Amino acid sequence: MKKGDIAIIIIAVIFLVLWLIPKPAGDTVTITVNGEFYKSVPLNRDTEIVVESEFGKNTVIVKNGEVYVEGADCPDKLCQKDKISKNGESIVCLPNRLSVTVEGEKNKEVDVIL
């Protein structure tokens, strides 16, 4: 094995470990349309939000601590495939320029001090 091979293996292991560390649960859902703030709701309150804009219509559901897009008038409907609940996760509908992001309280606790 060469030094470069060892470096690649170490970097791959670091990325794997970081990927496996669980993300904290979020507490707020923020919706934007075309990069502009649309609405923010708590993740713990069951809600149905119909987002209508010049780009299209989406129905965003917040239920049981998860958020998902139930209906979309975009052609590919890729935004309807996932449910999210962890801090930093997003659902994006590119044709309708919709973004749904789960956010948590920032800096609840310190992760690392260097």
Protein backbone atom coordinates (compact mmCIF):
# COMPACT_ATOMS: atom_id res chain seq x y z
CA MET A 1 0.00 0.00 0.00
CA LYS A 2 1.18 3.47 -0.85
CA LYS A 3 0.93 6.54 1.38
CA GLY A 4 -1.79 7.96 -0.88
CA ASP A 5 -3.90 4.81 -0.47
CA ILE A 6 -3.68 5.05 3.32
CA ALA A 7 -4.68 8.73 3.22
CA ILE A 8 -7.72 7.94 1.06
CA ILE A 9 -8.78 5.14 3.42
CA ILE A 10 -8.44 7.42 6.47
CA ILE A 11 -10.47 10.18 4.79
CA ALA A 12 -13.17 7.68 3.77
CA VAL A 13 -13.40 6.34 7.33
CA ILE A 14 -13.72 9.89 8.72
CA PHE A 15 -16.56 10.70 6.30
CA LEU A 16 -18.28 7.40 7.15
CA VAL A 17 -18.12 8.10 10.88
CA LEU A 18 -19.44 11.65 10.40
CA TRP A 19 -22.27 10.33 8.21
CA LEU A 20 -23.26 7.74 10.83
CA ILE A 21 -23.44 10.22 13.73
CA PRO A 22 -27.13 10.91 14.31
CA LYS A 23 -28.38 14.43 13.71
CA PRO A 24 -30.37 16.10 16.47
CA ALA A 25 -34.10 16.45 15.98
CA GLY A 26 -35.26 19.79 14.69
CA ASP A 27 -37.99 21.93 16.19
CA THR A 28 -39.07 24.29 13.39
CA VAL A 29 -40.04 23.91 9.74
CA THR A 30 -39.15 26.84 7.47
CA ILE A 31 -40.65 27.13 4.00
CA THR A 32 -39.22 29.37 1.29
CA VAL A 33 -40.42 30.03 -2.25
CA ASN A 34 -37.93 31.31 -4.82
CA GLY A 35 -35.48 32.01 -1.98
CA GLU A 36 -37.96 34.23 -0.12
CA PHE A 37 -39.30 33.35 3.34
CA TYR A 38 -42.86 32.01 3.13
CA LYS A 39 -43.76 30.52 6.52
CA SER A 40 -42.30 28.93 9.63
CA VAL A 41 -44.18 26.46 11.87
CA PRO A 42 -43.25 24.28 14.86
CA LEU A 43 -42.42 20.68 14.01
CA ASN A 44 -44.46 19.41 16.97
CA ARG A 45 -47.77 20.91 15.75
CA ASP A 46 -49.68 18.94 13.11
CA THR A 47 -50.34 21.36 10.25
CA GLU A 48 -51.27 21.38 6.58
CA ILE A 49 -49.84 24.26 4.55
CA VAL A 50 -50.90 24.90 0.97
CA VAL A 51 -48.18 26.88 -0.78
CA GLU A 52 -49.44 28.57 -3.95
CA SER A 53 -47.16 30.78 -5.98
CA GLU A 54 -46.61 31.81 -9.57
CA PHE A 55 -44.37 28.74 -9.91
CA GLY A 56 -46.86 26.11 -8.76
CA LYS A 57 -48.77 24.58 -5.87
CA ASN A 58 -47.48 22.29 -3.10
CA THR A 59 -49.15 20.86 -0.03
CA VAL A 60 -46.75 20.57 2.91
CA ILE A 61 -47.80 18.35 5.84
CA VAL A 62 -46.34 18.50 9.35
CA LYS A 63 -47.46 15.43 11.28
CA ASN A 64 -46.09 13.39 14.19
CA GLY A 65 -42.83 15.35 14.28
CA GLU A 66 -42.12 14.84 10.57
CA VAL A 67 -42.65 17.02 7.52
CA TYR A 68 -43.32 15.96 3.94
CA VAL A 69 -44.81 17.20 0.69
CA GLU A 70 -48.11 15.45 0.10
CA GLY A 71 -49.14 17.08 -3.15
CA ALA A 72 -47.27 18.92 -5.88
CA ASP A 73 -48.25 20.00 -9.36
CA CYS A 74 -44.68 19.68 -10.67
CA PRO A 75 -44.09 17.07 -13.40
CA ASP A 76 -41.56 14.79 -11.65
CA LYS A 77 -42.98 14.77 -8.08
CA LEU A 78 -39.53 14.00 -6.60
CA CYS A 79 -40.34 16.23 -3.62
CA GLN A 80 -43.06 13.78 -2.52
CA LYS A 81 -40.68 10.90 -1.81
CA ASP A 82 -39.20 11.75 1.61
CA LYS A 83 -40.18 12.61 5.17
CA ILE A 84 -37.75 14.69 7.20
CA SER A 85 -37.43 15.50 10.90
CA LYS A 86 -33.75 16.09 11.71
CA ASN A 87 -32.00 19.42 12.00
CA GLY A 88 -30.62 20.56 8.63
CA GLU A 89 -32.64 18.20 6.42
CA SER A 90 -34.45 19.68 3.42
CA ILE A 91 -37.00 18.87 0.76
CA VAL A 92 -36.70 20.85 -2.46
CA CYS A 93 -39.15 21.14 -5.36
CA LEU A 94 -37.06 22.75 -8.11
CA PRO A 95 -39.84 23.34 -10.68
CA ASN A 96 -41.98 25.13 -8.06
CA ARG A 97 -38.93 26.77 -6.41
CA LEU A 98 -40.04 25.49 -3.00
CA SER A 99 -37.70 24.60 -0.15
CA VAL A 100 -38.78 23.01 3.14
CA THR A 101 -36.07 22.90 5.82
CA VAL A 102 -36.05 21.53 9.37
CA GLU A 103 -34.19 23.79 11.74
CA GLY A 104 -33.26 23.39 15.37
CA GLU A 105 -32.14 25.70 18.11
CA LYS A 106 -28.62 26.66 17.23
CA ASN A 107 -25.76 26.00 19.65
CA LYS A 108 -27.78 24.04 22.21
CA GLU A 109 -24.57 22.43 23.32
CA VAL A 110 -20.96 22.57 22.26
CA ASP A 111 -19.86 19.76 19.95
CA VAL A 112 -16.10 20.34 19.83
CA ILE A 113 -13.67 22.89 21.17
CA LEU A 114 -10.42 23.14 19.22
